[in-house]
Amino acid sequence: TGWGSKYPPVTPAGAWELMKAHNVDVQGKHVVVVGRSPIVGHPMAHMLREAGAMVSSAHTGVDKDTFQGLVGQADVVVTCAGSPGCVQADWLKDGAEVVNIGTTFCEKADALLSDVEGDIESKAVRYSPVPGGVGPLSIPMLFRNVANAAWEQQSSSTDKWEQSPATLR
């Protein structure tokens, strides 16, 4: 794996599971990942490449016209920049699918703000909401990583688990 561990970072793993559960087909599709962090953006791009997507990575430091053009060409847009409004909904290609990971808490608005600003529904055929889309999947992915690591450790160990489980008194 590209991130140095066999256990994927939990947020991109949650986004990937959401995409699989909703049959978001990335094979041979142009996917733009907006964000390049080593925790979310980079591993997400890696997972998508492994699944056969043609991945472009963009970030808020890219020239606005180039950035808008990339978003407008994408079949699937995955936002994980944590920069509210860095993607305008009207930039999206008609019929695009949007996986909206990036959120930022704004004290002034007392709300979680999305990386995508505007009327996503008018352009995207499907999108994950903020809040309530990818975020709640991070904890189950963490549990999956921990369980897999424990099973792997136990199966490779010569020690046998001999302790009885605790009982309620």
Protein backbone atom coordinates (compact mmCIF):
# COMPACT_ATOMS: atom_id res chain seq x y z
CA THR A 1 0.00 0.00 0.00
CA GLY A 2 1.09 3.55 -0.63
CA TRP A 3 0.74 4.79 2.95
CA GLY A 4 3.11 2.38 4.68
CA SER A 5 0.57 0.13 6.39
CA LYS A 6 -1.74 -2.72 5.47
CA TYR A 7 -4.46 -0.96 7.45
CA PRO A 8 -5.86 1.96 5.47
CA PRO A 9 -6.47 5.34 7.05
CA VAL A 10 -10.02 5.28 8.37
CA THR A 11 -11.58 8.27 6.61
CA PRO A 12 -10.60 7.29 3.06
CA ALA A 13 -11.53 3.68 3.90
CA GLY A 14 -14.96 4.89 4.98
CA ALA A 15 -15.36 6.94 1.80
CA TRP A 16 -14.34 3.93 -0.29
CA GLU A 17 -16.82 1.66 1.51
CA LEU A 18 -19.57 4.25 0.93
CA MET A 19 -18.69 4.36 -2.76
CA LYS A 20 -18.73 0.55 -3.02
CA ALA A 21 -22.03 0.28 -1.14
CA HIS A 22 -23.66 2.72 -3.56
CA ASN A 23 -22.07 1.23 -6.68
CA VAL A 24 -20.05 4.30 -7.61
CA ASP A 25 -18.16 2.93 -10.59
CA VAL A 26 -14.68 4.41 -10.90
CA GLN A 27 -13.18 1.87 -13.31
CA GLY A 28 -11.85 3.87 -16.27
CA LYS A 29 -13.54 7.05 -15.00
CA HIS A 30 -11.93 10.43 -14.43
CA VAL A 31 -11.88 11.09 -10.69
CA VAL A 32 -10.65 14.34 -9.19
CA VAL A 33 -9.48 14.20 -5.59
CA VAL A 34 -9.48 17.69 -4.09
CA GLY A 35 -6.98 17.54 -1.24
CA ARG A 36 -3.52 16.09 -0.80
CA SER A 37 -3.09 15.36 2.88
CA PRO A 38 -1.17 12.22 3.85
CA ILE A 39 -4.13 11.13 6.01
CA VAL A 40 -7.02 11.50 3.53
CA GLY A 41 -6.21 12.91 0.08
CA HIS A 42 -3.16 10.84 -0.80
CA PRO A 43 -4.52 7.48 0.41
CA MET A 44 -7.91 8.18 -1.24
CA ALA A 45 -6.20 8.86 -4.57
CA HIS A 46 -4.18 5.67 -4.15
CA MET A 47 -7.30 3.56 -3.45
CA LEU A 48 -9.03 5.00 -6.50
CA ARG A 49 -6.02 4.32 -8.75
CA GLU A 50 -5.90 0.75 -7.46
CA ALA A 51 -9.58 0.44 -8.43
CA GLY A 52 -8.82 1.48 -12.01
CA ALA A 53 -9.74 5.17 -11.92
CA MET A 54 -7.85 7.84 -13.81
CA VAL A 55 -7.09 10.12 -10.87
CA SER A 56 -6.21 13.79 -10.92
CA SER A 57 -5.22 15.39 -7.65
CA ALA A 58 -6.02 19.03 -7.09
CA HIS A 59 -5.73 21.38 -4.17
CA THR A 60 -6.45 24.95 -3.25
CA GLY A 61 -2.99 26.04 -4.42
CA VAL A 62 -3.82 25.18 -8.05
CA ASP A 63 -4.67 28.05 -10.41
CA LYS A 64 -8.44 28.69 -10.16
CA ASP A 65 -9.11 28.23 -13.90
CA THR A 66 -7.17 24.94 -13.99
CA PHE A 67 -8.89 23.80 -10.79
CA GLN A 68 -12.34 24.65 -12.13
CA GLY A 69 -11.54 22.90 -15.42
CA LEU A 70 -10.45 19.69 -13.66
CA VAL A 71 -13.60 19.62 -11.51
CA GLY A 72 -15.74 20.28 -14.60
CA GLN A 73 -14.27 17.29 -16.45
CA ALA A 74 -14.55 14.80 -13.62
CA ASP A 75 -17.02 11.93 -13.56
CA VAL A 76 -16.47 11.65 -9.81
CA VAL A 77 -15.26 14.39 -7.46
CA VAL A 78 -13.91 13.50 -4.02
CA THR A 79 -13.44 16.55 -1.83
CA CYS A 80 -11.15 16.29 1.17
CA ALA A 81 -9.45 19.68 1.36
CA GLY A 82 -11.07 20.95 4.53
CA SER A 83 -11.45 24.32 2.83
CA PRO A 84 -15.07 25.52 2.89
CA GLY A 85 -16.40 26.42 -0.54
CA CYS A 86 -13.19 25.59 -2.40
CA VAL A 87 -15.35 23.80 -4.99
CA GLN A 88 -18.34 25.58 -6.43
CA ALA A 89 -21.29 23.32 -7.28
CA ASP A 90 -21.79 25.02 -10.65
CA TRP A 91 -18.29 23.84 -11.68
CA LEU A 92 -19.44 20.22 -11.57
CA LYS A 93 -20.04 18.27 -14.74
CA ASP A 94 -23.72 17.43 -15.20
CA GLY A 95 -24.27 13.94 -13.82
CA ALA A 96 -21.10 13.88 -11.72
CA GLU A 97 -20.97 11.95 -8.47
CA VAL A 98 -19.59 13.78 -5.44
CA VAL A 99 -18.08 12.20 -2.35
CA ASN A 100 -17.85 15.09 0.04
CA ILE A 101 -15.37 14.30 2.81
CA GLY A 102 -13.98 17.73 3.65
CA THR A 103 -15.68 19.54 6.49
CA THR A 104 -14.72 22.51 8.59
CA PHE A 105 -16.45 23.80 11.69
CA CYS A 106 -17.25 27.48 11.41
CA GLU A 107 -17.83 29.14 14.78
CA LYS A 108 -19.49 32.18 13.19
CA ALA A 109 -22.09 30.01 11.43
CA ASP A 110 -22.07 27.43 14.27
CA ALA A 111 -22.11 24.74 11.60
CA LEU A 112 -20.01 22.22 9.71
CA LEU A 113 -19.23 23.62 6.28
CA SER A 114 -18.59 21.55 3.19
CA ASP A 115 -15.78 21.83 0.66
CA VAL A 116 -18.55 22.20 -1.95
CA GLU A 117 -20.58 25.38 -1.96
CA GLY A 118 -23.82 25.84 -3.85
CA ASP A 119 -26.62 23.66 -5.18
CA ILE A 120 -24.96 20.25 -5.60
CA GLU A 121 -28.29 18.63 -6.48
CA SER A 122 -28.62 20.73 -9.63
CA LYS A 123 -25.47 19.16 -11.12
CA ALA A 124 -24.62 15.92 -9.35
CA VAL A 125 -26.56 12.71 -9.89
CA ARG A 126 -25.50 11.60 -6.38
CA TYR A 127 -23.56 13.12 -3.52
CA SER A 128 -22.73 12.47 0.10
CA PRO A 129 -24.10 15.05 2.53
CA VAL A 130 -22.20 17.15 5.03
CA PRO A 131 -22.62 16.43 7.85
CA GLY A 132 -23.66 12.80 7.98
CA GLY A 133 -22.05 11.32 4.89
CA VAL A 134 -18.53 9.94 5.21
CA GLY A 135 -17.72 11.11 8.74
CA PRO A 136 -19.83 8.55 10.64
CA LEU A 137 -18.03 5.75 8.77
CA SER A 138 -14.61 6.56 10.22
CA ILE A 139 -15.25 4.87 13.57
CA PRO A 140 -16.41 1.55 12.07
CA MET A 141 -13.33 1.59 9.82
CA LEU A 142 -11.14 2.12 12.89
CA PHE A 143 -12.83 -0.85 14.58
CA ARG A 144 -12.27 -2.92 11.43
CA ASN A 145 -8.56 -2.05 11.43
CA VAL A 146 -8.21 -2.90 15.12
CA ALA A 147 -10.12 -6.18 14.75
CA ASN A 148 -8.10 -7.20 11.69
CA ALA A 149 -4.85 -6.38 13.48
CA ALA A 150 -5.93 -8.38 16.53
CA TRP A 151 -6.99 -11.39 14.45
CA GLU A 152 -3.73 -11.24 12.51
CA GLN A 153 -1.67 -10.98 15.67
CA GLN A 154 -3.55 -13.85 17.31
CA SER A 155 -3.34 -16.10 14.25
CA SER A 156 0.42 -15.52 13.92
CA SER A 157 1.06 -16.08 17.62
CA THR A 158 2.06 -19.43 19.03
CA ASP A 159 0.33 -18.52 22.28
CA LYS A 160 -3.23 -19.73 22.65
CA TRP A 161 -5.92 -17.62 24.17
CA GLU A 162 -6.68 -19.42 27.41
CA GLN A 163 -8.27 -16.80 29.58
CA SER A 164 -11.96 -17.20 30.23
CA PRO A 165 -14.15 -14.27 29.39
CA ALA A 166 -15.27 -12.04 32.25
CA THR A 167 -18.59 -12.84 33.87
CA LEU A 168 -21.15 -10.47 35.27
CA ARG A 169 -21.67 -10.66 39.01
